[in-house]
C-alpha atoms as a PDB file:
ATOM      1  CA  MET A   1      22.869 -43.360   6.290  1.00  0.00           C
ATOM      2  CA  ILE A   2      26.478 -42.192   6.301  1.00  0.00           C
ATOM      3  CA  THR A   3      28.514 -40.929   9.252  1.00  0.00           C
ATOM      4  CA  CYS A   4      29.666 -37.354   9.786  1.00  0.00           C
ATOM      5  CA  GLU A   5      33.313 -38.299   9.016  1.00  0.00           C
ATOM      6  CA  ALA A   6      32.290 -39.926   5.713  1.00  0.00           C
ATOM      7  CA  PHE A   7      30.144 -36.911   4.847  1.00  0.00           C
ATOM      8  CA  ARG A   8      33.001 -34.447   5.435  1.00  0.00           C
ATOM      9  CA  ALA A   9      35.373 -36.568   3.396  1.00  0.00           C
ATOM     10  CA  GLN A  10      32.988 -36.944   0.422  1.00  0.00           C
ATOM     11  CA  PHE A  11      31.275 -33.541   0.347  1.00  0.00           C
ATOM     12  CA  SER A  12      32.420 -31.025  -2.264  1.00  0.00           C
ATOM     13  CA  PRO A  13      30.846 -27.786  -3.603  1.00  0.00           C
ATOM     14  CA  GLY A  14      28.003 -28.536  -6.029  1.00  0.00           C
ATOM     15  CA  SER A  15      27.567 -32.114  -4.780  1.00  0.00           C
ATOM     16  CA  GLU A  16      24.259 -33.745  -5.769  1.00  0.00           C
ATOM     17  CA  ASN A  17      24.849 -37.145  -4.103  1.00  0.00           C
ATOM     18  CA  PRO A  18      21.472 -38.193  -2.560  1.00  0.00           C
ATOM     19  CA  ALA A  19      23.129 -39.911   0.434  1.00  0.00           C
ATOM     20  CA  LEU A  20      25.148 -36.779   1.241  1.00  0.00           C
ATOM     21  CA  LEU A  21      22.095 -34.524   0.909  1.00  0.00           C
ATOM     22  CA  GLU A  22      20.041 -36.859   3.154  1.00  0.00           C
ATOM     23  CA  HIS A  23      22.739 -36.653   5.850  1.00  0.00           C
ATOM     24  CA  LEU A  24      22.901 -32.882   5.368  1.00  0.00           C
ATOM     25  CA  ARG A  25      19.142 -32.615   6.103  1.00  0.00           C
ATOM     26  CA  SER A  26      19.430 -34.536   9.374  1.00  0.00           C
ATOM     27  CA  CYS A  27      22.763 -33.361  10.870  1.00  0.00           C
ATOM     28  CA  ASP A  28      23.063 -29.769  12.076  1.00  0.00           C
ATOM     29  CA  ALA A  29      26.861 -29.912  12.581  1.00  0.00           C
ATOM     30  CA  CYS A  30      27.454 -31.112   9.005  1.00  0.00           C
ATOM     31  CA  PHE A  31      24.943 -28.601   7.715  1.00  0.00           C
ATOM     32  CA  SER A  32      26.991 -25.724   9.222  1.00  0.00           C
ATOM     33  CA  THR A  33      30.218 -27.159   7.768  1.00  0.00           C
ATOM     34  CA  ALA A  34      28.670 -27.616   4.321  1.00  0.00           C
ATOM     35  CA  ALA A  35      27.199 -24.068   4.369  1.00  0.00           C
ATOM     36  CA  GLU A  36      30.706 -22.650   4.982  1.00  0.00           C
ATOM     37  CA  VAL A  37      32.148 -24.641   2.064  1.00  0.00           C
ATOM     38  CA  ASP A  38      29.222 -24.183  -0.357  1.00  0.00           C
ATOM     39  CA  PRO A  39      26.388 -21.745   0.598  1.00  0.00           C
ATOM     40  CA  ASP A  40      24.173 -23.262  -2.117  1.00  0.00           C
ATOM     41  CA  ALA A  41      24.199 -26.538  -0.175  1.00  0.00           C
ATOM     42  CA  MET A  42      21.494 -25.036   2.072  1.00  0.00           C
ATOM     43  CA  PHE A  43      19.138 -24.854  -0.898  1.00  0.00           C
ATOM     44  CA  ARG A  44      20.007 -28.308  -2.210  1.00  0.00           C
ATOM     45  CA  ALA A  45      19.389 -29.689   1.283  1.00  0.00           C
ATOM     46  CA  LEU A  46      15.811 -28.477   1.223  1.00  0.00           C
ATOM     47  CA  GLY A  47      14.783 -31.371  -0.937  1.00  0.00           C
ATOM     48  CA  GLY A  48      11.713 -30.875  -2.992  1.00  0.00           C
ATOM     49  CA  ALA A  49      10.464 -34.207  -4.262  1.00  0.00           C
ATOM     50  CA  GLU A  50       7.604 -34.110  -1.779  1.00  0.00           C
ATOM     51  CA  MET A  51       6.987 -30.390  -2.279  1.00  0.00           C
ATOM     52  CA  ILE A  52       4.297 -30.302  -4.979  1.00  0.00           C
ATOM     53  CA  PRO A  53       2.031 -27.246  -4.824  1.00  0.00           C
ATOM     54  CA  PRO A  54      -1.724 -27.721  -4.335  1.00  0.00           C
ATOM     55  CA  GLY A  55      -3.407 -28.313  -7.676  1.00  0.00           C
ATOM     56  CA  GLY A  56      -0.210 -29.472  -9.348  1.00  0.00           C
ATOM     57  CA  VAL A  57       2.679 -27.746 -11.046  1.00  0.00           C
ATOM     58  CA  GLU A  58       0.545 -26.527 -13.985  1.00  0.00           C
ATOM     59  CA  THR A  59      -1.828 -24.691 -11.650  1.00  0.00           C
ATOM     60  CA  PHE A  60       1.120 -23.154  -9.818  1.00  0.00           C
ATOM     61  CA  VAL A  61       2.697 -21.969 -13.081  1.00  0.00           C
ATOM     62  CA  GLY A  62      -0.676 -20.546 -14.195  1.00  0.00           C
ATOM     63  CA  ASP A  63      -0.995 -18.621 -10.919  1.00  0.00           C
ATOM     64  CA  VAL A  64       2.536 -17.235 -11.245  1.00  0.00           C
ATOM     65  CA  MET A  65       1.956 -16.142 -14.849  1.00  0.00           C
ATOM     66  CA  ARG A  66      -1.357 -14.493 -13.877  1.00  0.00           C
ATOM     67  CA  GLU A  67       0.501 -12.549 -11.169  1.00  0.00           C
ATOM     68  CA  VAL A  68       3.185 -11.518 -13.682  1.00  0.00           C
ATOM     69  CA  ARG A  69       0.513 -10.205 -16.073  1.00  0.00           C
ATOM     70  CA  LEU A  70      -1.225  -8.362 -13.203  1.00  0.00           C
ATOM     71  CA  ARG A  71       2.014  -6.669 -12.124  1.00  0.00           C
ATOM     72  CA  SER A  72       2.755  -5.731 -15.730  1.00  0.00           C
ATOM     73  CA  ALA A  73      -0.695  -4.152 -16.042  1.00  0.00           C
ATOM     74  CA  GLU A  74      -0.166  -2.239 -12.771  1.00  0.00           C
ATOM     75  CA  LYS A  75       3.113  -0.804 -14.065  1.00  0.00           C
ATOM     76  CA  SER A  76       1.565   0.268 -17.349  1.00  0.00           C
ATOM     77  CA  MET A  77      -1.375   1.919 -15.541  1.00  0.00           C
ATOM     78  CA  SER A  78       0.842   3.808 -13.091  1.00  0.00           C
ATOM     79  CA  GLY A  79       2.617   5.501 -16.001  1.00  0.00           C
ATOM     80  CA  ALA A  80      -0.725   6.692 -17.417  1.00  0.00           C
ATOM     81  CA  GLN A  81      -1.292   9.042 -14.478  1.00  0.00           C
ATOM     82  CA  ALA A  82       1.819  11.118 -15.157  1.00  0.00           C
ATOM     83  CA  LEU A  83       1.054  14.464 -16.780  1.00  0.00           C
ATOM     84  CA  SER A  84       2.278  15.090 -20.295  1.00  0.00           C
ATOM     85  CA  PRO A  85       4.205  18.316 -20.985  1.00  0.00           C
ATOM     86  CA  THR A  86       1.168  19.752 -22.807  1.00  0.00           C
ATOM     87  CA  ARG A  87      -1.075  19.137 -19.811  1.00  0.00           C
ATOM     88  CA  LYS A  88       1.508  20.626 -17.459  1.00  0.00           C
ATOM     89  CA  LEU A  89       1.645  23.765 -19.600  1.00  0.00           C
ATOM     90  CA  ALA A  90      -2.158  24.011 -19.674  1.00  0.00           C
ATOM     91  CA  LEU A  91      -2.301  23.557 -15.901  1.00  0.00           C
ATOM     92  CA  ALA A  92       0.297  26.294 -15.400  1.00  0.00           C
ATOM     93  CA  ALA A  93      -1.629  28.665 -17.702  1.00  0.00           C
ATOM     94  CA  ALA A  94      -4.869  27.998 -15.815  1.00  0.00           C
ATOM     95  CA  LEU A  95      -3.119  28.648 -12.506  1.00  0.00           C
ATOM     96  CA  VAL A  96      -1.669  31.941 -13.777  1.00  0.00           C
ATOM     97  CA  GLY A  97      -5.122  32.947 -15.062  1.00  0.00           C
ATOM     98  CA  ALA A  98      -6.700  32.171 -11.698  1.00  0.00           C
ATOM     99  CA  VAL A  99      -4.073  34.195  -9.828  1.00  0.00           C
ATOM    100  CA  MET A 100      -4.494  37.137 -12.198  1.00  0.00           C
ATOM    101  CA  THR A 101      -8.300  37.027 -11.866  1.00  0.00           C
ATOM    102  CA  GLY A 102      -8.032  36.930  -8.086  1.00  0.00           C
ATOM    103  CA  THR A 103      -5.607  39.847  -8.121  1.00  0.00           C
ATOM    104  CA  LEU A 104      -7.850  41.940 -10.367  1.00  0.00           C
ATOM    105  CA  LEU A 105     -10.888  41.190  -8.201  1.00  0.00           C
ATOM    106  CA  HIS A 106      -8.897  42.203  -5.150  1.00  0.00           C
ATOM    107  CA  TYR A 107      -7.959  45.526  -6.790  1.00  0.00           C
ATOM    108  CA  GLN A 108     -11.525  46.026  -8.053  1.00  0.00           C
ATOM    109  CA  ARG A 109     -13.051  45.710  -4.592  1.00  0.00           C
ATOM    110  CA  GLY A 110     -11.346  48.940  -3.601  1.00  0.00           C
ATOM    111  CA  SER A 111      -8.884  47.652  -1.015  1.00  0.00           C
ATOM    112  CA  VAL A 112      -5.932  48.681  -3.211  1.00  0.00           C
ATOM    113  CA  ALA A 113      -5.721  51.237  -6.018  1.00  0.00           C
ATOM    114  CA  LEU A 114      -5.644  49.768  -9.523  1.00  0.00           C
ATOM    115  CA  PRO A 115      -2.375  50.052 -11.424  1.00  0.00           C
ATOM    116  CA  PRO A 116      -2.603  52.095 -14.646  1.00  0.00           C
ATOM    117  CA  ALA A 117      -2.041  49.054 -16.906  1.00  0.00           C
ATOM    118  CA  ALA A 118      -5.129  47.272 -15.551  1.00  0.00           C
ATOM    119  CA  GLY A 119      -7.577  50.066 -16.495  1.00  0.00           C
ATOM    120  CA  PRO A 120      -9.601  48.406 -19.335  1.00  0.00           C
ATOM    121  CA  VAL A 121      -9.810  45.045 -17.600  1.00  0.00           C
ATOM    122  CA  ALA A 122     -10.800  46.630 -14.306  1.00  0.00           C
ATOM    123  CA  ALA A 123     -13.552  48.624 -16.019  1.00  0.00           C
ATOM    124  CA  LYS A 124     -15.047  45.399 -17.392  1.00  0.00           C
ATOM    125  CA  LEU A 125     -14.902  43.769 -13.952  1.00  0.00           C
ATOM    126  CA  THR A 126     -16.484  46.796 -12.298  1.00  0.00           C
ATOM    127  CA  ALA A 127     -19.348  46.797 -14.790  1.00  0.00           C
ATOM    128  CA  ALA A 128     -20.006  43.101 -14.162  1.00  0.00           C
ATOM    129  CA  THR A 129     -20.082  43.318 -10.356  1.00  0.00           C
ATOM    130  CA  THR A 130     -21.932  46.576  -9.612  1.00  0.00           C
ATOM    131  CA  ARG A 131     -25.392  45.013  -9.381  1.00  0.00           C
ATOM    132  CA  PRO A 132     -26.473  43.948  -5.895  1.00  0.00           C
ATOM    133  CA  ILE A 133     -26.965  40.246  -5.306  1.00  0.00           C
ATOM    134  CA  VAL A 134     -30.043  40.645  -3.077  1.00  0.00           C
ATOM    135  CA  GLU A 135     -32.227  43.550  -4.141  1.00  0.00           C
ATOM    136  CA  THR A 136     -34.977  43.238  -1.502  1.00  0.00           C
ATOM    137  CA  TYR A 137     -35.507  41.125   1.563  1.00  0.00           C
ATOM    138  CA  GLU A 138     -38.495  41.165   3.888  1.00  0.00           C
ATOM    139  CA  SER A 139     -38.914  39.021   6.952  1.00  0.00           C
ATOM    140  CA  GLU A 140     -40.334  39.523  10.439  1.00  0.00           C
ATOM    141  CA  ASN A 141     -37.578  37.387  11.993  1.00  0.00           C
ATOM    142  CA  ALA A 142     -34.627  38.998  10.189  1.00  0.00           C
ATOM    143  CA  THR A 143     -32.175  41.529  11.523  1.00  0.00           C
ATOM    144  CA  ILE A 144     -30.775  43.741   8.772  1.00  0.00           C
ATOM    145  CA  VAL A 145     -27.585  45.683   9.447  1.00  0.00           C
ATOM    146  CA  GLU A 146     -26.303  48.294   6.996  1.00  0.00           C
ATOM    147  CA  MET A 147     -22.749  49.562   7.142  1.00  0.00           C
ATOM    148  CA  PRO A 148     -22.515  52.995   5.487  1.00  0.00           C
ATOM    149  CA  ALA A 149     -19.942  53.631   2.802  1.00  0.00           C
ATOM    150  CA  GLY A 150     -16.669  55.117   3.966  1.00  0.00           C
ATOM    151  CA  SER A 151     -15.825  56.825   0.685  1.00  0.00           C
ATOM    152  CA  GLU A 152     -17.517  58.848  -2.023  1.00  0.00           C
ATOM    153  CA  GLU A 153     -17.823  55.813  -4.297  1.00  0.00           C
ATOM    154  CA  GLY A 154     -20.645  54.570  -2.078  1.00  0.00           C
ATOM    155  CA  VAL A 155     -19.717  50.953  -1.368  1.00  0.00           C
ATOM    156  CA  ALA A 156     -22.133  49.877   1.370  1.00  0.00           C
ATOM    157  CA  VAL A 157     -22.271  46.533   3.132  1.00  0.00           C
ATOM    158  CA  VAL A 158     -25.635  45.056   4.117  1.00  0.00           C
ATOM    159  CA  MET A 159     -25.832  41.981   6.329  1.00  0.00           C
ATOM    160  CA  VAL A 160     -29.001  39.953   6.891  1.00  0.00           C
ATOM    161  CA  PHE A 161     -29.318  37.720   9.962  1.00  0.00           C
ATOM    162  CA  ASP A 162     -32.290  35.359   9.778  1.00  0.00           C
ATOM    163  CA  GLU A 163     -32.317  32.121  11.789  1.00  0.00           C
ATOM    164  CA  SER A 164     -35.219  30.710   9.775  1.00  0.00           C
ATOM    165  CA  LEU A 165     -33.051  30.476   6.629  1.00  0.00           C
ATOM    166  CA  PRO A 166     -31.176  27.243   5.905  1.00  0.00           C
ATOM    167  CA  ALA A 167     -27.564  27.207   7.110  1.00  0.00           C
ATOM    168  CA  ASP A 168     -26.082  26.616   3.659  1.00  0.00           C
ATOM    169  CA  LEU A 169     -27.785  29.579   2.008  1.00  0.00           C
END
Protein backbone atom coordinates (compact mmCIF):
# COMPACT_ATOMS: atom_id res chain seq x y z
CA MET A 1 0.00 0.00 0.00
CA ILE A 2 1.28 3.45 -0.92
CA THR A 3 1.44 6.55 1.28
CA CYS A 4 -0.70 9.65 0.89
CA GLU A 5 2.30 11.69 -0.39
CA ALA A 6 3.06 9.06 -3.06
CA PHE A 7 -0.61 8.94 -4.04
CA ARG A 8 -0.83 12.72 -4.50
CA ALA A 9 2.36 12.75 -6.53
CA GLN A 10 1.29 9.90 -8.85
CA PHE A 11 -2.45 10.55 -9.23
CA SER A 12 -3.66 12.18 -12.44
CA PRO A 13 -7.14 12.50 -14.03
CA GLY A 14 -8.21 9.23 -15.66
CA SER A 15 -5.69 7.15 -13.70
CA GLU A 16 -6.39 3.39 -13.69
CA ASN A 17 -3.39 2.32 -11.56
CA PRO A 18 -4.67 -0.46 -9.21
CA ALA A 19 -2.39 0.62 -6.34
CA LEU A 20 -3.66 4.21 -6.55
CA LEU A 21 -7.30 3.09 -6.69
CA GLU A 22 -6.78 0.77 -3.69
CA HIS A 23 -5.37 3.69 -1.66
CA LEU A 24 -8.24 5.87 -2.87
CA ARG A 25 -10.77 3.35 -1.47
CA SER A 26 -9.17 3.34 1.98
CA CYS A 27 -8.11 6.98 2.54
CA ASP A 28 -10.80 9.63 2.96
CA ALA A 29 -8.38 12.59 2.73
CA CYS A 30 -6.96 11.38 -0.60
CA PHE A 31 -10.45 10.57 -1.82
CA SER A 32 -11.51 14.22 -1.32
CA THR A 33 -8.36 15.47 -3.08
CA ALA A 34 -8.84 13.08 -6.01
CA ALA A 35 -12.55 14.03 -6.34
CA GLU A 36 -11.55 17.71 -6.71
CA VAL A 37 -9.00 16.86 -9.43
CA ASP A 38 -11.08 14.23 -11.27
CA PRO A 39 -14.77 13.74 -10.25
CA ASP A 40 -14.84 10.42 -12.14
CA ALA A 41 -12.30 9.06 -9.66
CA MET A 42 -15.20 8.47 -7.25
CA PHE A 43 -16.70 5.97 -9.67
CA ARG A 44 -13.40 4.27 -10.46
CA ALA A 45 -12.79 3.93 -6.71
CA LEU A 46 -15.93 1.88 -6.29
CA GLY A 47 -14.21 -1.18 -7.62
CA GLY A 48 -16.42 -3.80 -9.09
CA ALA A 49 -14.51 -7.04 -9.44
CA GLU A 50 -16.41 -8.50 -6.50
CA MET A 51 -19.71 -6.95 -7.56
CA ILE A 52 -21.34 -9.69 -9.65
CA PRO A 53 -25.15 -9.60 -9.63
CA PRO A 54 -27.08 -12.63 -8.33
CA GLY A 55 -27.54 -15.17 -11.10
CA GLY A 56 -24.62 -13.84 -13.12
CA VAL A 57 -24.17 -11.09 -15.65
CA GLU A 58 -26.35 -12.81 -18.29
CA THR A 59 -29.32 -12.92 -15.92
CA PHE A 60 -28.79 -9.27 -15.03
CA VAL A 61 -28.67 -8.26 -18.70
CA GLY A 62 -31.82 -10.32 -19.38
CA ASP A 63 -33.64 -8.55 -16.52
CA VAL A 64 -32.56 -5.13 -17.80
CA MET A 65 -33.68 -5.91 -21.35
CA ARG A 66 -37.03 -7.23 -20.08
CA GLU A 67 -37.52 -3.94 -18.21
CA VAL A 68 -36.62 -1.96 -21.35
CA ARG A 69 -39.22 -3.90 -23.37
CA LEU A 70 -41.82 -3.38 -20.61
CA ARG A 71 -41.21 0.38 -20.53
CA SER A 72 -41.39 0.52 -24.32
CA ALA A 73 -44.74 -1.29 -24.24
CA GLU A 74 -46.03 1.12 -21.56
CA LYS A 75 -45.12 4.12 -23.72
CA SER A 76 -46.82 2.66 -26.78
CA MET A 77 -49.97 1.86 -24.77
CA SER A 78 -50.19 5.32 -23.21
CA GLY A 79 -50.35 6.88 -26.68
CA ALA A 80 -53.30 4.63 -27.61
CA GLN A 81 -55.59 6.36 -25.11
CA ALA A 82 -55.31 9.77 -26.77
CA LEU A 83 -58.37 10.69 -28.81
CA SER A 84 -58.02 11.04 -32.55
CA PRO A 85 -59.37 14.21 -34.20
CA THR A 86 -62.30 12.22 -35.63
CA ARG A 87 -63.28 10.96 -32.19
CA LYS A 88 -62.95 14.44 -30.72
CA LEU A 89 -65.28 15.79 -33.39
CA ALA A 90 -67.80 13.00 -32.76
CA LEU A 91 -67.64 13.65 -29.02
CA ALA A 92 -68.23 17.37 -29.57
CA ALA A 93 -71.22 16.65 -31.85
CA ALA A 94 -72.73 14.29 -29.27
CA LEU A 95 -72.27 16.91 -26.55
CA VAL A 96 -73.95 19.59 -28.68
CA GLY A 97 -76.82 17.18 -29.43
CA ALA A 98 -77.27 16.44 -25.73
CA VAL A 99 -77.32 20.13 -24.83
CA MET A 100 -79.83 20.88 -27.59
CA THR A 101 -82.08 17.99 -26.50
CA GLY A 102 -81.95 19.16 -22.90
CA THR A 103 -82.78 22.71 -23.96
CA LEU A 104 -85.74 21.60 -26.07
CA LEU A 105 -87.07 19.42 -23.25
CA HIS A 106 -86.74 22.37 -20.90
CA TYR A 107 -88.75 24.58 -23.29
CA GLN A 108 -91.28 21.79 -23.89
CA ARG A 109 -92.07 21.38 -20.20
CA GLY A 110 -93.61 24.83 -20.19
CA SER A 111 -91.17 26.67 -17.95
CA VAL A 112 -90.11 28.94 -20.84
CA ALA A 113 -91.92 29.83 -24.06
CA LEU A 114 -90.60 28.08 -27.17
CA PRO A 115 -88.77 30.24 -29.70
CA PRO A 116 -90.43 30.38 -33.14
CA ALA A 117 -87.62 28.42 -34.85
CA ALA A 118 -88.13 25.39 -32.60
CA GLY A 119 -91.81 24.88 -33.55
CA PRO A 120 -91.65 21.59 -35.57
CA VAL A 121 -89.17 19.95 -33.23
CA ALA A 122 -91.13 21.00 -30.16
CA ALA A 123 -94.34 19.59 -31.65
CA LYS A 124 -92.66 16.20 -32.06
CA LEU A 125 -91.39 16.29 -28.48
CA THR A 126 -94.80 17.29 -27.14
CA ALA A 127 -96.47 14.42 -28.98
CA ALA A 128 -93.97 11.93 -27.55
CA THR A 129 -94.30 13.03 -23.91
CA THR A 130 -98.03 13.71 -23.45
CA ARG A 131 -98.92 10.21 -22.25
CA PRO A 132 -98.84 9.71 -18.48
CA ILE A 133 -96.23 7.34 -17.12
CA VAL A 134 -98.50 5.81 -14.44
CA GLU A 135 -102.10 5.54 -15.58
CA THR A 136 -103.61 3.97 -12.44
CA TYR A 137 -102.36 3.16 -8.99
CA GLU A 138 -104.28 1.53 -6.17
CA SER A 139 -102.94 0.79 -2.74
CA GLU A 140 -104.31 0.94 0.80
CA ASN A 141 -100.98 2.23 2.16
CA ALA A 142 -100.39 4.94 -0.46
CA THR A 143 -100.94 8.65 -0.14
CA ILE A 144 -101.75 10.27 -3.48
CA VAL A 145 -101.35 14.03 -3.83
CA GLU A 146 -102.56 15.87 -6.93
CA MET A 147 -101.40 19.37 -7.73
CA PRO A 148 -103.92 21.10 -10.02
CA ALA A 149 -102.77 22.71 -13.23
CA GLY A 150 -101.98 26.40 -13.03
CA SER A 151 -102.71 27.15 -16.68
CA GLU A 152 -105.27 26.30 -19.33
CA GLU A 153 -102.99 23.68 -20.88
CA GLY A 154 -103.79 21.40 -17.96
CA VAL A 155 -100.39 20.19 -16.78
CA ALA A 156 -101.10 18.46 -13.46
CA VAL A 157 -98.59 16.88 -11.11
CA VAL A 158 -99.51 13.71 -9.22
CA MET A 159 -97.26 12.37 -6.47
CA VAL A 160 -97.61 8.91 -4.93
CA PHE A 161 -96.13 8.20 -1.49
CA ASP A 162 -96.08 4.50 -0.63
CA GLU A 163 -93.59 3.14 1.92
CA SER A 164 -94.19 -0.45 0.82
CA LEU A 165 -92.59 0.22 -2.59
CA PRO A 166 -88.86 -0.42 -3.05
CA ALA A 167 -86.66 2.65 -2.59
CA ASP A 168 -85.18 2.51 -6.09
CA LEU A 169 -88.52 2.48 -7.91
